[in-house]
């Protein structure tokens, strides 16, 4: 993996907890729409608090949540379900673009 050289990213998911099947914490499932809706204002407050001007949506759920809140975001492939290689490539490209802007 290439070391990032642009501005340091801050990762904060629209749903910052581990979604799992009830009573089975070792499982994984997609977060439900209601919890994403609850988490999005927190993610946006974090961005505002740290004066983040570039917002990246990792996955379609994050992107949809941000669109519903009128937030422009750069979409990246979520690394789960076989998307890790595409995500890593997109993240390096984003970093290279940030470096060229400074």
N, C-alpha and C. Protein backbone atom coordinates (compact mmCIF):
# COMPACT_ATOMS: atom_id res chain seq x y z
N UNK A 1 0.85 -1.19 0.00
CA UNK A 1 0.00 0.00 0.00
C UNK A 1 0.88 1.23 0.00
N UNK A 2 0.54 2.18 -0.81
CA UNK A 2 1.25 3.45 -0.89
C UNK A 2 0.93 4.30 0.34
N UNK A 3 1.95 4.95 0.87
CA UNK A 3 1.72 5.85 2.01
C UNK A 3 1.00 7.10 1.53
N UNK A 4 0.03 7.54 2.30
CA UNK A 4 -0.70 8.76 1.95
C UNK A 4 0.20 9.96 2.20
N UNK A 5 0.19 10.91 1.28
CA UNK A 5 1.05 12.08 1.40
C UNK A 5 0.25 13.38 1.44
N UNK A 6 -1.00 13.32 1.09
CA UNK A 6 -1.85 14.52 1.08
C UNK A 6 -2.32 14.83 2.49
N UNK A 7 -3.35 15.66 2.62
CA UNK A 7 -3.89 15.97 3.94
C UNK A 7 -4.35 14.68 4.64
N UNK A 8 -4.15 14.62 5.94
CA UNK A 8 -4.56 13.44 6.68
C UNK A 8 -6.07 13.28 6.67
N UNK A 9 -6.55 12.09 6.37
CA UNK A 9 -8.00 11.88 6.37
C UNK A 9 -8.52 11.63 7.78
N UNK A 10 -9.77 11.97 7.97
CA UNK A 10 -10.46 11.60 9.19
C UNK A 10 -11.60 10.69 8.77
N UNK A 11 -11.62 9.49 9.27
CA UNK A 11 -12.68 8.56 8.93
C UNK A 11 -13.73 8.58 10.04
N UNK A 12 -14.97 8.83 9.65
CA UNK A 12 -16.07 8.78 10.61
C UNK A 12 -17.29 8.25 9.87
N UNK A 13 -17.69 7.04 10.14
CA UNK A 13 -18.81 6.45 9.40
C UNK A 13 -20.16 7.06 9.77
N UNK A 14 -21.09 7.02 8.82
CA UNK A 14 -22.44 7.51 9.13
C UNK A 14 -23.11 6.60 10.14
N UNK A 15 -22.60 5.39 10.28
CA UNK A 15 -23.04 4.50 11.35
C UNK A 15 -21.79 3.97 12.04
N UNK A 16 -21.34 4.63 13.12
CA UNK A 16 -20.04 4.31 13.71
C UNK A 16 -19.99 3.07 14.60
N UNK A 17 -21.02 2.30 14.65
CA UNK A 17 -21.03 1.09 15.48
C UNK A 17 -21.01 -0.15 14.60
N UNK A 18 -20.72 -1.28 15.19
CA UNK A 18 -20.68 -2.53 14.44
C UNK A 18 -22.08 -3.12 14.35
N UNK A 19 -22.68 -3.11 13.16
CA UNK A 19 -24.01 -3.72 13.05
C UNK A 19 -23.91 -5.24 13.02
N UNK A 20 -24.66 -5.89 13.88
CA UNK A 20 -24.64 -7.34 13.93
C UNK A 20 -26.06 -7.86 14.16
N UNK A 21 -26.22 -9.13 13.94
CA UNK A 21 -27.51 -9.75 14.19
C UNK A 21 -27.78 -9.73 15.69
N UNK A 22 -29.02 -9.51 16.10
CA UNK A 22 -29.33 -9.45 17.53
C UNK A 22 -28.81 -10.67 18.29
N UNK A 23 -28.06 -10.41 19.36
CA UNK A 23 -27.55 -11.48 20.19
C UNK A 23 -26.35 -12.23 19.63
N UNK A 24 -25.88 -11.82 18.46
CA UNK A 24 -24.75 -12.50 17.82
C UNK A 24 -23.69 -11.47 17.41
N UNK A 25 -22.92 -10.96 18.35
CA UNK A 25 -21.98 -9.87 18.06
C UNK A 25 -20.86 -10.22 17.09
N UNK A 26 -20.61 -11.49 16.83
CA UNK A 26 -19.56 -11.87 15.89
C UNK A 26 -20.03 -11.82 14.44
N UNK A 27 -21.32 -11.56 14.21
CA UNK A 27 -21.84 -11.49 12.85
C UNK A 27 -21.72 -10.07 12.32
N UNK A 28 -22.04 -9.90 11.08
CA UNK A 28 -22.00 -8.59 10.44
C UNK A 28 -23.21 -8.46 9.54
N UNK A 29 -23.82 -7.30 9.52
CA UNK A 29 -24.93 -7.04 8.61
C UNK A 29 -24.90 -5.57 8.24
N UNK A 30 -25.57 -5.23 7.19
CA UNK A 30 -25.64 -3.82 6.77
C UNK A 30 -26.45 -3.03 7.80
N UNK A 31 -26.04 -1.80 8.09
CA UNK A 31 -26.81 -0.99 9.03
C UNK A 31 -28.17 -0.63 8.43
N UNK A 32 -29.17 -0.57 9.27
CA UNK A 32 -30.52 -0.22 8.83
C UNK A 32 -30.64 1.28 8.57
N UNK A 33 -31.60 1.65 7.74
CA UNK A 33 -31.79 3.04 7.35
C UNK A 33 -31.98 3.96 8.55
N UNK A 34 -32.71 3.49 9.56
CA UNK A 34 -32.98 4.33 10.74
C UNK A 34 -31.71 4.69 11.49
N UNK A 35 -30.79 3.74 11.64
CA UNK A 35 -29.56 4.05 12.38
C UNK A 35 -28.61 4.90 11.55
N UNK A 36 -28.65 4.73 10.23
CA UNK A 36 -27.85 5.60 9.37
C UNK A 36 -28.37 7.02 9.48
N UNK A 37 -29.69 7.17 9.47
CA UNK A 37 -30.29 8.51 9.60
C UNK A 37 -29.92 9.15 10.94
N UNK A 38 -29.82 8.35 11.99
CA UNK A 38 -29.42 8.87 13.29
C UNK A 38 -27.94 9.25 13.33
N UNK A 39 -27.11 8.51 12.64
CA UNK A 39 -25.67 8.74 12.69
C UNK A 39 -25.17 9.83 11.77
N UNK A 40 -25.89 10.12 10.70
CA UNK A 40 -25.43 11.11 9.74
C UNK A 40 -25.23 12.49 10.35
N UNK A 41 -26.14 13.02 11.16
CA UNK A 41 -25.89 14.34 11.75
C UNK A 41 -24.63 14.39 12.60
N UNK A 42 -24.28 13.27 13.22
CA UNK A 42 -23.06 13.22 14.02
C UNK A 42 -21.84 13.32 13.11
N UNK A 43 -21.86 12.57 12.02
CA UNK A 43 -20.75 12.63 11.06
C UNK A 43 -20.61 14.04 10.49
N UNK A 44 -21.72 14.68 10.18
CA UNK A 44 -21.66 16.04 9.64
C UNK A 44 -21.18 17.04 10.69
N UNK A 45 -21.56 16.83 11.95
CA UNK A 45 -21.08 17.70 13.04
C UNK A 45 -19.57 17.54 13.22
N UNK A 46 -19.07 16.32 13.09
CA UNK A 46 -17.62 16.09 13.18
C UNK A 46 -16.90 16.82 12.05
N UNK A 47 -17.44 16.74 10.85
CA UNK A 47 -16.82 17.44 9.72
C UNK A 47 -16.80 18.94 9.96
N UNK A 48 -17.89 19.48 10.47
CA UNK A 48 -17.95 20.91 10.75
C UNK A 48 -16.98 21.30 11.87
N UNK A 49 -16.92 20.50 12.92
CA UNK A 49 -16.05 20.80 14.05
C UNK A 49 -14.58 20.84 13.65
N UNK A 50 -14.20 19.98 12.72
CA UNK A 50 -12.81 19.92 12.28
C UNK A 50 -12.57 20.69 10.99
N UNK A 51 -13.59 21.43 10.55
CA UNK A 51 -13.51 22.26 9.33
C UNK A 51 -13.06 21.45 8.12
N UNK A 52 -13.65 20.29 7.98
CA UNK A 52 -13.33 19.42 6.85
C UNK A 52 -14.11 19.92 5.64
N UNK A 53 -13.38 20.14 4.56
CA UNK A 53 -14.02 20.68 3.36
C UNK A 53 -14.22 19.63 2.27
N UNK A 54 -13.49 18.53 2.34
CA UNK A 54 -13.66 17.46 1.37
C UNK A 54 -14.26 16.27 2.08
N UNK A 55 -15.44 15.88 1.66
CA UNK A 55 -16.12 14.74 2.28
C UNK A 55 -16.16 13.60 1.27
N UNK A 56 -15.80 12.43 1.74
CA UNK A 56 -15.76 11.24 0.91
C UNK A 56 -16.78 10.25 1.45
N UNK A 57 -17.61 9.72 0.58
CA UNK A 57 -18.59 8.72 0.97
C UNK A 57 -18.04 7.34 0.64
N UNK A 58 -17.83 6.53 1.66
CA UNK A 58 -17.33 5.17 1.46
C UNK A 58 -18.54 4.25 1.41
N UNK A 59 -18.93 3.90 0.21
CA UNK A 59 -20.07 3.02 -0.01
C UNK A 59 -21.35 3.77 -0.32
N UNK A 60 -22.29 3.03 -0.86
CA UNK A 60 -23.56 3.61 -1.31
C UNK A 60 -24.44 4.09 -0.16
N UNK A 61 -24.40 3.40 0.96
CA UNK A 61 -25.24 3.84 2.10
C UNK A 61 -24.79 5.20 2.59
N UNK A 62 -23.49 5.40 2.73
CA UNK A 62 -22.97 6.70 3.14
C UNK A 62 -23.29 7.76 2.10
N UNK A 63 -23.10 7.43 0.85
CA UNK A 63 -23.37 8.39 -0.21
C UNK A 63 -24.85 8.79 -0.22
N UNK A 64 -25.73 7.82 -0.11
CA UNK A 64 -27.16 8.11 -0.10
C UNK A 64 -27.55 8.97 1.08
N UNK A 65 -26.97 8.69 2.22
CA UNK A 65 -27.26 9.47 3.42
C UNK A 65 -26.81 10.92 3.26
N UNK A 66 -25.65 11.11 2.67
CA UNK A 66 -25.14 12.47 2.47
C UNK A 66 -25.97 13.20 1.42
N UNK A 67 -26.36 12.53 0.37
CA UNK A 67 -27.20 13.14 -0.66
C UNK A 67 -28.53 13.60 -0.05
N UNK A 68 -29.12 12.76 0.80
CA UNK A 68 -30.37 13.14 1.46
C UNK A 68 -30.20 14.36 2.36
N UNK A 69 -28.97 14.64 2.75
CA UNK A 69 -28.69 15.80 3.60
C UNK A 69 -28.04 16.93 2.80
N UNK A 70 -28.17 16.88 1.48
CA UNK A 70 -27.67 17.90 0.55
C UNK A 70 -26.17 18.14 0.69
N UNK A 71 -25.42 17.06 0.92
CA UNK A 71 -23.96 17.16 1.06
C UNK A 71 -23.30 16.54 -0.16
N UNK A 72 -22.46 17.32 -0.81
CA UNK A 72 -21.68 16.81 -1.94
C UNK A 72 -20.55 15.95 -1.39
N UNK A 73 -20.39 14.76 -1.90
CA UNK A 73 -19.34 13.87 -1.42
C UNK A 73 -18.74 13.10 -2.59
N UNK A 74 -17.45 12.85 -2.48
CA UNK A 74 -16.75 12.03 -3.47
C UNK A 74 -17.05 10.57 -3.13
N UNK A 75 -17.62 9.80 -4.07
CA UNK A 75 -17.95 8.41 -3.76
C UNK A 75 -16.75 7.47 -3.93
N UNK A 76 -16.57 6.57 -2.97
CA UNK A 76 -15.58 5.50 -3.07
C UNK A 76 -16.29 4.18 -2.87
N UNK A 77 -15.75 3.14 -3.45
CA UNK A 77 -16.28 1.79 -3.29
C UNK A 77 -16.04 1.36 -1.85
N UNK A 78 -17.03 0.75 -1.22
CA UNK A 78 -16.84 0.24 0.14
C UNK A 78 -15.90 -0.96 0.05
N UNK A 79 -14.95 -1.09 0.99
CA UNK A 79 -13.99 -2.18 0.89
C UNK A 79 -14.55 -3.58 1.20
N UNK A 80 -15.75 -3.66 1.78
CA UNK A 80 -16.32 -4.97 2.09
C UNK A 80 -16.82 -5.66 0.83
N UNK A 81 -17.10 -6.93 0.97
CA UNK A 81 -17.69 -7.73 -0.10
C UNK A 81 -16.87 -7.70 -1.39
N UNK A 82 -15.55 -7.80 -1.27
CA UNK A 82 -14.69 -7.87 -2.44
C UNK A 82 -14.28 -6.52 -3.02
N UNK A 83 -14.56 -5.43 -2.33
CA UNK A 83 -14.23 -4.11 -2.87
C UNK A 83 -12.94 -3.50 -2.36
N UNK A 84 -12.14 -4.25 -1.60
CA UNK A 84 -10.95 -3.69 -0.97
C UNK A 84 -9.94 -3.16 -1.98
N UNK A 85 -9.70 -3.89 -3.03
CA UNK A 85 -8.70 -3.46 -4.02
C UNK A 85 -9.15 -2.18 -4.72
N UNK A 86 -10.42 -2.12 -5.10
CA UNK A 86 -10.94 -0.91 -5.76
C UNK A 86 -10.89 0.27 -4.79
N UNK A 87 -11.29 0.05 -3.54
CA UNK A 87 -11.25 1.09 -2.53
C UNK A 87 -9.83 1.64 -2.38
N UNK A 88 -8.85 0.74 -2.24
CA UNK A 88 -7.45 1.17 -2.06
C UNK A 88 -6.97 1.99 -3.25
N UNK A 89 -7.30 1.56 -4.45
CA UNK A 89 -6.91 2.30 -5.65
C UNK A 89 -7.55 3.68 -5.67
N UNK A 90 -8.84 3.75 -5.36
CA UNK A 90 -9.53 5.03 -5.35
C UNK A 90 -8.97 5.96 -4.27
N UNK A 91 -8.62 5.41 -3.11
CA UNK A 91 -8.07 6.21 -2.02
C UNK A 91 -6.71 6.80 -2.42
N UNK A 92 -5.86 6.00 -3.08
CA UNK A 92 -4.56 6.49 -3.55
C UNK A 92 -4.77 7.59 -4.59
N UNK A 93 -5.71 7.40 -5.50
CA UNK A 93 -6.00 8.42 -6.52
C UNK A 93 -6.46 9.72 -5.86
N UNK A 94 -7.32 9.61 -4.87
CA UNK A 94 -7.81 10.78 -4.15
C UNK A 94 -6.65 11.50 -3.46
N UNK A 95 -5.75 10.74 -2.85
CA UNK A 95 -4.58 11.32 -2.18
C UNK A 95 -3.69 12.04 -3.20
N UNK A 96 -3.47 11.43 -4.36
CA UNK A 96 -2.63 12.04 -5.40
C UNK A 96 -3.26 13.35 -5.88
N UNK A 97 -4.58 13.37 -6.03
CA UNK A 97 -5.26 14.60 -6.43
C UNK A 97 -5.10 15.69 -5.37
N UNK A 98 -5.21 15.30 -4.10
CA UNK A 98 -5.05 16.27 -3.01
C UNK A 98 -3.63 16.83 -2.99
N UNK A 99 -2.65 15.99 -3.27
CA UNK A 99 -1.27 16.45 -3.30
C UNK A 99 -1.04 17.47 -4.42
N UNK A 100 -1.66 17.21 -5.56
CA UNK A 100 -1.46 18.11 -6.71
C UNK A 100 -2.16 19.46 -6.50
N UNK A 101 -3.14 19.50 -5.62
CA UNK A 101 -3.86 20.76 -5.35
C UNK A 101 -3.10 21.65 -4.36
N UNK A 102 -2.16 21.08 -3.61
CA UNK A 102 -1.44 21.88 -2.61
C UNK A 102 -0.16 22.43 -3.13
